[in-house]
Amino acid sequence: MTSITRHTKAGTIIGQIKQHCETYFGIPYAYPPINERRFKHAELKTTWSEPLHADQFKAIPPQHFNTIDAFYSQHPE
């Protein structure tokens, strides 16, 4: 894998090249829903000032394992 840097209108993105294919992971499309943005519609993130490291996925927020069947089930798991 080789790193690649692209300069865009939104800012600099650092990705990777693998088998002649450029990949970029975890590019944010909106600001995080925290503080004054909590419980509101997503606000588009159009620029960033620091280079965005998009060469791997970011951490996934913890989520409880749940399926719709288990949610509506009458039987305890």
PDB file of N, CA and C in Angstrom:
ATOM      1  N   MET A   1       0.828  -1.180   0.000  1.00  0.00           N
ATOM      2  CA  MET A   1       0.000   0.000   0.000  1.00  0.00           C
ATOM      3  C   MET A   1       0.877   1.250   0.000  1.00  0.00           C
ATOM      4  N   THR A   2       0.453   2.225  -0.749  1.00  0.00           N
ATOM      5  CA  THR A   2       1.159   3.489  -0.846  1.00  0.00           C
ATOM      6  C   THR A   2       0.203   4.611  -0.506  1.00  0.00           C
ATOM      7  N   SER A   3       0.680   5.600   0.230  1.00  0.00           N
ATOM      8  CA  SER A   3      -0.154   6.761   0.555  1.00  0.00           C
ATOM      9  C   SER A   3      -0.266   7.674  -0.654  1.00  0.00           C
ATOM     10  N   ILE A   4      -1.411   8.354  -0.730  1.00  0.00           N
ATOM     11  CA  ILE A   4      -1.632   9.342  -1.787  1.00  0.00           C
ATOM     12  C   ILE A   4      -2.304  10.553  -1.149  1.00  0.00           C
ATOM     13  N   THR A   5      -1.905  11.724  -1.581  1.00  0.00           N
ATOM     14  CA  THR A   5      -2.480  12.965  -1.077  1.00  0.00           C
ATOM     15  C   THR A   5      -3.163  13.685  -2.228  1.00  0.00           C
ATOM     16  N   ARG A   6      -4.411  14.067  -2.009  1.00  0.00           N
ATOM     17  CA  ARG A   6      -5.177  14.816  -3.008  1.00  0.00           C
ATOM     18  C   ARG A   6      -5.621  16.136  -2.378  1.00  0.00           C
ATOM     19  N   HIS A   7      -5.507  17.206  -3.158  1.00  0.00           N
ATOM     20  CA  HIS A   7      -5.955  18.521  -2.713  1.00  0.00           C
ATOM     21  C   HIS A   7      -7.290  18.806  -3.404  1.00  0.00           C
ATOM     22  N   THR A   8      -8.331  19.023  -2.616  1.00  0.00           N
ATOM     23  CA  THR A   8      -9.671  19.258  -3.151  1.00  0.00           C
ATOM     24  C   THR A   8     -10.167  20.633  -2.713  1.00  0.00           C
ATOM     25  N   LYS A   9     -11.320  21.032  -3.207  1.00  0.00           N
ATOM     26  CA  LYS A   9     -11.925  22.299  -2.769  1.00  0.00           C
ATOM     27  C   LYS A   9     -12.254  22.272  -1.288  1.00  0.00           C
ATOM     28  N   ALA A  10     -12.553  21.098  -0.757  1.00  0.00           N
ATOM     29  CA  ALA A  10     -12.912  20.963   0.660  1.00  0.00           C
ATOM     30  C   ALA A  10     -11.685  20.959   1.558  1.00  0.00           C
ATOM     31  N   GLY A  11     -10.555  20.502   1.061  1.00  0.00           N
ATOM     32  CA  GLY A  11      -9.340  20.407   1.846  1.00  0.00           C
ATOM     33  C   GLY A  11      -8.486  19.251   1.349  1.00  0.00           C
ATOM     34  N   THR A  12      -7.408  18.997   2.060  1.00  0.00           N
ATOM     35  CA  THR A  12      -6.480  17.938   1.685  1.00  0.00           C
ATOM     36  C   THR A  12      -6.940  16.599   2.252  1.00  0.00           C
ATOM     37  N   ILE A  13      -6.899  15.556   1.414  1.00  0.00           N
ATOM     38  CA  ILE A  13      -7.289  14.207   1.825  1.00  0.00           C
ATOM     39  C   ILE A  13      -6.103  13.275   1.590  1.00  0.00           C
ATOM     40  N   ILE A  14      -5.814  12.464   2.595  1.00  0.00           N
ATOM     41  CA  ILE A  14      -4.747  11.474   2.476  1.00  0.00           C
ATOM     42  C   ILE A  14      -5.395  10.098   2.433  1.00  0.00           C
ATOM     43  N   GLY A  15      -5.167   9.381   1.344  1.00  0.00           N
ATOM     44  CA  GLY A  15      -5.733   8.051   1.167  1.00  0.00           C
ATOM     45  C   GLY A  15      -4.637   7.037   0.898  1.00  0.00           C
ATOM     46  N   GLN A  16      -4.999   5.983   0.215  1.00  0.00           N
ATOM     47  CA  GLN A  16      -4.009   4.950  -0.102  1.00  0.00           C
ATOM     48  C   GLN A  16      -4.270   4.397  -1.500  1.00  0.00           C
ATOM     49  N   ILE A  17      -3.225   3.859  -2.089  1.00  0.00           N
ATOM     50  CA  ILE A  17      -3.328   3.192  -3.391  1.00  0.00           C
ATOM     51  C   ILE A  17      -3.008   1.725  -3.171  1.00  0.00           C
ATOM     52  N   LYS A  18      -3.885   0.870  -3.651  1.00  0.00           N
ATOM     53  CA  LYS A  18      -3.675  -0.571  -3.578  1.00  0.00           C
ATOM     54  C   LYS A  18      -4.133  -1.161  -4.901  1.00  0.00           C
ATOM     55  N   GLN A  19      -3.255  -1.842  -5.568  1.00  0.00           N
ATOM     56  CA  GLN A  19      -3.531  -2.455  -6.871  1.00  0.00           C
ATOM     57  C   GLN A  19      -4.096  -1.435  -7.868  1.00  0.00           C
ATOM     58  N   HIS A  20      -3.437  -0.293  -7.962  1.00  0.00           N
ATOM     59  CA  HIS A  20      -3.783   0.775  -8.904  1.00  0.00           C
ATOM     60  C   HIS A  20      -5.150   1.407  -8.632  1.00  0.00           C
ATOM     61  N   CYS A  21      -5.655   1.266  -7.432  1.00  0.00           N
ATOM     62  CA  CYS A  21      -6.962   1.816  -7.077  1.00  0.00           C
ATOM     63  C   CYS A  21      -6.808   2.746  -5.871  1.00  0.00           C
ATOM     64  N   GLU A  22      -7.246   3.990  -6.015  1.00  0.00           N
ATOM     65  CA  GLU A  22      -7.203   4.935  -4.901  1.00  0.00           C
ATOM     66  C   GLU A  22      -8.395   4.682  -3.985  1.00  0.00           C
ATOM     67  N   THR A  23      -8.123   4.600  -2.681  1.00  0.00           N
ATOM     68  CA  THR A  23      -9.216   4.407  -1.716  1.00  0.00           C
ATOM     69  C   THR A  23      -9.137   5.460  -0.631  1.00  0.00           C
ATOM     70  N   TYR A  24     -10.315   5.903  -0.197  1.00  0.00           N
ATOM     71  CA  TYR A  24     -10.445   6.901   0.864  1.00  0.00           C
ATOM     72  C   TYR A  24     -11.564   6.433   1.797  1.00  0.00           C
ATOM     73  N   PHE A  25     -11.260   6.286   3.063  1.00  0.00           N
ATOM     74  CA  PHE A  25     -12.221   5.757   4.030  1.00  0.00           C
ATOM     75  C   PHE A  25     -12.607   6.829   5.047  1.00  0.00           C
ATOM     76  N   GLY A  26     -13.863   6.839   5.422  1.00  0.00           N
ATOM     77  CA  GLY A  26     -14.320   7.682   6.522  1.00  0.00           C
ATOM     78  C   GLY A  26     -14.334   9.160   6.240  1.00  0.00           C
ATOM     79  N   ILE A  27     -14.576   9.571   5.004  1.00  0.00           N
ATOM     80  CA  ILE A  27     -14.681  11.004   4.721  1.00  0.00           C
ATOM     81  C   ILE A  27     -16.018  11.484   5.283  1.00  0.00           C
ATOM     82  N   PRO A  28     -16.000  12.444   6.200  1.00  0.00           N
ATOM     83  CA  PRO A  28     -17.253  12.872   6.831  1.00  0.00           C
ATOM     84  C   PRO A  28     -18.123  13.686   5.873  1.00  0.00           C
ATOM     85  N   TYR A  29     -19.407  13.434   5.896  1.00  0.00           N
ATOM     86  CA  TYR A  29     -20.336  14.218   5.075  1.00  0.00           C
ATOM     87  C   TYR A  29     -21.061  15.266   5.916  1.00  0.00           C
ATOM     88  N   ALA A  30     -20.980  15.130   7.250  1.00  0.00           N
ATOM     89  CA  ALA A  30     -21.675  16.074   8.126  1.00  0.00           C
ATOM     90  C   ALA A  30     -20.884  16.247   9.421  1.00  0.00           C
ATOM     91  N   TYR A  31     -21.175  17.336  10.124  1.00  0.00           N
ATOM     92  CA  TYR A  31     -20.564  17.567  11.434  1.00  0.00           C
ATOM     93  C   TYR A  31     -21.146  16.573  12.435  1.00  0.00           C
ATOM     94  N   PRO A  32     -20.387  16.198  13.466  1.00  0.00           N
ATOM     95  CA  PRO A  32     -20.914  15.262  14.466  1.00  0.00           C
ATOM     96  C   PRO A  32     -22.130  15.857  15.192  1.00  0.00           C
ATOM     97  N   PRO A  33     -23.121  15.046  15.526  1.00  0.00           N
ATOM     98  CA  PRO A  33     -24.335  15.546  16.202  1.00  0.00           C
ATOM     99  C   PRO A  33     -24.117  15.703  17.707  1.00  0.00           C
ATOM    100  N   ILE A  34     -23.263  16.635  18.091  1.00  0.00           N
ATOM    101  CA  ILE A  34     -22.986  16.878  19.510  1.00  0.00           C
ATOM    102  C   ILE A  34     -23.300  18.324  19.854  1.00  0.00           C
ATOM    103  N   ASN A  35     -23.451  18.590  21.146  1.00  0.00           N
ATOM    104  CA  ASN A  35     -23.737  19.924  21.682  1.00  0.00           C
ATOM    105  C   ASN A  35     -24.959  20.540  21.000  1.00  0.00           C
ATOM    106  N   GLU A  36     -24.802  21.713  20.376  1.00  0.00           N
ATOM    107  CA  GLU A  36     -25.959  22.409  19.799  1.00  0.00           C
ATOM    108  C   GLU A  36     -26.532  21.697  18.571  1.00  0.00           C
ATOM    109  N   ARG A  37     -25.808  20.746  18.004  1.00  0.00           N
ATOM    110  CA  ARG A  37     -26.306  20.011  16.834  1.00  0.00           C
ATOM    111  C   ARG A  37     -27.089  18.752  17.211  1.00  0.00           C
ATOM    112  N   ARG A  38     -27.117  18.424  18.489  1.00  0.00           N
ATOM    113  CA  ARG A  38     -27.787  17.200  18.933  1.00  0.00           C
ATOM    114  C   ARG A  38     -29.287  17.283  18.651  1.00  0.00           C
ATOM    115  N   PHE A  39     -29.855  16.215  18.141  1.00  0.00           N
ATOM    116  CA  PHE A  39     -31.288  16.093  17.824  1.00  0.00           C
ATOM    117  C   PHE A  39     -31.731  17.061  16.725  1.00  0.00           C
ATOM    118  N   LYS A  40     -30.812  17.461  15.878  1.00  0.00           N
ATOM    119  CA  LYS A  40     -31.159  18.320  14.747  1.00  0.00           C
ATOM    120  C   LYS A  40     -30.753  17.617  13.459  1.00  0.00           C
ATOM    121  N   HIS A  41     -31.201  18.145  12.339  1.00  0.00           N
ATOM    122  CA  HIS A  41     -30.825  17.587  11.044  1.00  0.00           C
ATOM    123  C   HIS A  41     -29.320  17.698  10.849  1.00  0.00           C
ATOM    124  N   ALA A  42     -28.768  16.791  10.070  1.00  0.00           N
ATOM    125  CA  ALA A  42     -27.334  16.814   9.784  1.00  0.00           C
ATOM    126  C   ALA A  42     -26.958  18.120   9.090  1.00  0.00           C
ATOM    127  N   GLU A  43     -25.815  18.660   9.498  1.00  0.00           N
ATOM    128  CA  GLU A  43     -25.301  19.884   8.900  1.00  0.00           C
ATOM    129  C   GLU A  43     -24.106  19.514   8.016  1.00  0.00           C
ATOM    130  N   LEU A  44     -24.203  19.803   6.740  1.00  0.00           N
ATOM    131  CA  LEU A  44     -23.204  19.425   5.764  1.00  0.00           C
ATOM    132  C   LEU A  44     -21.825  19.983   6.118  1.00  0.00           C
ATOM    133  N   LYS A  45     -20.821  19.139   6.071  1.00  0.00           N
ATOM    134  CA  LYS A  45     -19.436  19.559   6.312  1.00  0.00           C
ATOM    135  C   LYS A  45     -18.784  19.728   4.952  1.00  0.00           C
ATOM    136  N   THR A  46     -18.513  20.966   4.566  1.00  0.00           N
ATOM    137  CA  THR A  46     -18.018  21.238   3.221  1.00  0.00           C
ATOM    138  C   THR A  46     -16.522  21.487   3.149  1.00  0.00           C
ATOM    139  N   THR A  47     -15.883  21.818   4.275  1.00  0.00           N
ATOM    140  CA  THR A  47     -14.438  22.075   4.275  1.00  0.00           C
ATOM    141  C   THR A  47     -13.815  21.600   5.577  1.00  0.00           C
ATOM    142  N   TRP A  48     -12.510  21.416   5.553  1.00  0.00           N
ATOM    143  CA  TRP A  48     -11.743  21.134   6.761  1.00  0.00           C
ATOM    144  C   TRP A  48     -10.382  21.797   6.588  1.00  0.00           C
ATOM    145  N   SER A  49      -9.784  22.208   7.707  1.00  0.00           N
ATOM    146  CA  SER A  49      -8.535  22.960   7.640  1.00  0.00           C
ATOM    147  C   SER A  49      -7.294  22.072   7.704  1.00  0.00           C
ATOM    148  N   GLU A  50      -7.331  21.010   8.466  1.00  0.00           N
ATOM    149  CA  GLU A  50      -6.205  20.085   8.596  1.00  0.00           C
ATOM    150  C   GLU A  50      -6.347  18.963   7.564  1.00  0.00           C
ATOM    151  N   PRO A  51      -5.237  18.367   7.132  1.00  0.00           N
ATOM    152  CA  PRO A  51      -5.351  17.224   6.213  1.00  0.00           C
ATOM    153  C   PRO A  51      -6.194  16.110   6.833  1.00  0.00           C
ATOM    154  N   LEU A  52      -7.077  15.554   6.039  1.00  0.00           N
ATOM    155  CA  LEU A  52      -7.972  14.494   6.505  1.00  0.00           C
ATOM    156  C   LEU A  52      -7.340  13.144   6.193  1.00  0.00           C
ATOM    157  N   HIS A  53      -7.020  12.389   7.233  1.00  0.00           N
ATOM    158  CA  HIS A  53      -6.429  11.056   7.047  1.00  0.00           C
ATOM    159  C   HIS A  53      -7.562  10.063   6.791  1.00  0.00           C
ATOM    160  N   ALA A  54      -7.726   9.699   5.530  1.00  0.00           N
ATOM    161  CA  ALA A  54      -8.795   8.796   5.117  1.00  0.00           C
ATOM    162  C   ALA A  54      -8.206   7.490   4.603  1.00  0.00           C
ATOM    163  N   ASP A  55      -7.123   7.050   5.231  1.00  0.00           N
ATOM    164  CA  ASP A  55      -6.465   5.828   4.778  1.00  0.00           C
ATOM    165  C   ASP A  55      -6.944   4.584   5.513  1.00  0.00           C
ATOM    166  N   GLN A  56      -7.832   4.765   6.491  1.00  0.00           N
ATOM    167  CA  GLN A  56      -8.448   3.629   7.185  1.00  0.00           C
ATOM    168  C   GLN A  56      -9.749   4.102   7.820  1.00  0.00           C
ATOM    169  N   PHE A  57     -10.651   3.155   8.101  1.00  0.00           N
ATOM    170  CA  PHE A  57     -11.908   3.512   8.735  1.00  0.00           C
ATOM    171  C   PHE A  57     -11.660   3.985  10.160  1.00  0.00           C
ATOM    172  N   LYS A  58     -12.510   4.869  10.634  1.00  0.00           N
ATOM    173  CA  LYS A  58     -12.430   5.367  12.005  1.00  0.00           C
ATOM    174  C   LYS A  58     -13.137   4.380  12.925  1.00  0.00           C
ATOM    175  N   ALA A  59     -13.049   4.639  14.232  1.00  0.00           N
ATOM    176  CA  ALA A  59     -13.697   3.776  15.219  1.00  0.00           C
ATOM    177  C   ALA A  59     -15.217   3.813  15.035  1.00  0.00           C
ATOM    178  N   ILE A  60     -15.852   2.682  15.231  1.00  0.00           N
ATOM    179  CA  ILE A  60     -17.306   2.577  15.130  1.00  0.00           C
ATOM    180  C   ILE A  60     -17.895   2.787  16.523  1.00  0.00           C
ATOM    181  N   PRO A  61     -18.912   3.641  16.659  1.00  0.00           N
ATOM    182  CA  PRO A  61     -19.525   3.837  17.974  1.00  0.00           C
ATOM    183  C   PRO A  61     -20.105   2.529  18.496  1.00  0.00           C
ATOM    184  N   PRO A  62     -20.049   2.306  19.804  1.00  0.00           N
ATOM    185  CA  PRO A  62     -20.608   1.066  20.350  1.00  0.00           C
ATOM    186  C   PRO A  62     -22.109   0.999  20.088  1.00  0.00           C
ATOM    187  N   GLN A  63     -22.566  -0.166  19.680  1.00  0.00           N
ATOM    188  CA  GLN A  63     -23.979  -0.361  19.410  1.00  0.00           C
ATOM    189  C   GLN A  63     -24.399  -1.708  19.969  1.00  0.00           C
ATOM    190  N   HIS A  64     -25.536  -1.715  20.596  1.00  0.00           N
ATOM    191  CA  HIS A  64     -26.068  -2.945  21.148  1.00  0.00           C
ATOM    192  C   HIS A  64     -26.543  -3.833  20.008  1.00  0.00           C
ATOM    193  N   PHE A  65     -26.162  -5.100  20.043  1.00  0.00           N
ATOM    194  CA  PHE A  65     -26.627  -6.035  19.019  1.00  0.00           C
ATOM    195  C   PHE A  65     -28.132  -6.223  19.190  1.00  0.00           C
ATOM    196  N   ASN A  66     -28.865  -5.984  18.149  1.00  0.00           N
ATOM    197  CA  ASN A  66     -30.310  -6.095  18.217  1.00  0.00           C
ATOM    198  C   ASN A  66     -30.845  -6.304  16.803  1.00  0.00           C
ATOM    199  N   THR A  67     -31.727  -7.227  16.666  1.00  0.00           N
ATOM    200  CA  THR A  67     -32.402  -7.408  15.385  1.00  0.00           C
ATOM    201  C   THR A  67     -33.865  -7.063  15.583  1.00  0.00           C
ATOM    202  N   ILE A  68     -34.545  -6.791  14.533  1.00  0.00           N
ATOM    203  CA  ILE A  68     -35.965  -6.458  14.627  1.00  0.00           C
ATOM    204  C   ILE A  68     -36.759  -7.633  15.186  1.00  0.00           C
ATOM    205  N   ASP A  69     -36.341  -8.864  14.849  1.00  0.00           N
ATOM    206  CA  ASP A  69     -37.025 -10.041  15.371  1.00  0.00           C
ATOM    207  C   ASP A  69     -36.859 -10.134  16.892  1.00  0.00           C
ATOM    208  N   ALA A  70     -35.650  -9.876  17.375  1.00  0.00           N
ATOM    209  CA  ALA A  70     -35.413  -9.934  18.816  1.00  0.00           C
ATOM    210  C   ALA A  70     -36.153  -8.813  19.531  1.00  0.00           C
ATOM    211  N   PHE A  71     -36.256  -7.664  18.887  1.00  0.00           N
ATOM    212  CA  PHE A  71     -36.929  -6.521  19.501  1.00  0.00           C
ATOM    213  C   PHE A  71     -38.412  -6.818  19.751  1.00  0.00           C
ATOM    214  N   TYR A  72     -39.053  -7.448  18.774  1.00  0.00           N
ATOM    215  CA  TYR A  72     -40.487  -7.736  18.886  1.00  0.00           C
ATOM    216  C   TYR A  72     -40.773  -9.143  19.411  1.00  0.00           C
ATOM    217  N   SER A  73     -39.761  -9.897  19.758  1.00  0.00           N
ATOM    218  CA  SER A  73     -39.941 -11.255  20.189  1.00  0.00           C
ATOM    219  C   SER A  73     -40.605 -11.331  21.579  1.00  0.00           C
ATOM    220  N   GLN A  74     -41.395 -12.378  21.767  1.00  0.00           N
ATOM    221  CA  GLN A  74     -42.025 -12.617  23.060  1.00  0.00           C
ATOM    222  C   GLN A  74     -41.136 -13.522  23.929  1.00  0.00           C
ATOM    223  N   HIS A  75     -40.037 -14.026  23.342  1.00  0.00           N
ATOM    224  CA  HIS A  75     -39.158 -14.953  24.055  1.00  0.00           C
ATOM    225  C   HIS A  75     -37.881 -14.228  24.475  1.00  0.00           C
ATOM    226  N   PRO A  76     -37.504 -14.368  25.733  1.00  0.00           N
ATOM    227  CA  PRO A  76     -36.249 -13.742  26.160  1.00  0.00           C
ATOM    228  C   PRO A  76     -35.062 -14.417  25.489  1.00  0.00           C
ATOM    229  N   GLU A  77     -34.021 -13.652  25.222  1.00  0.00           N
ATOM    230  CA  GLU A  77     -32.825 -14.223  24.579  1.00  0.00           C
ATOM    231  C   GLU A  77     -31.945 -14.897  25.594  1.00  0.00           C
TER     232      GLU A  77
END
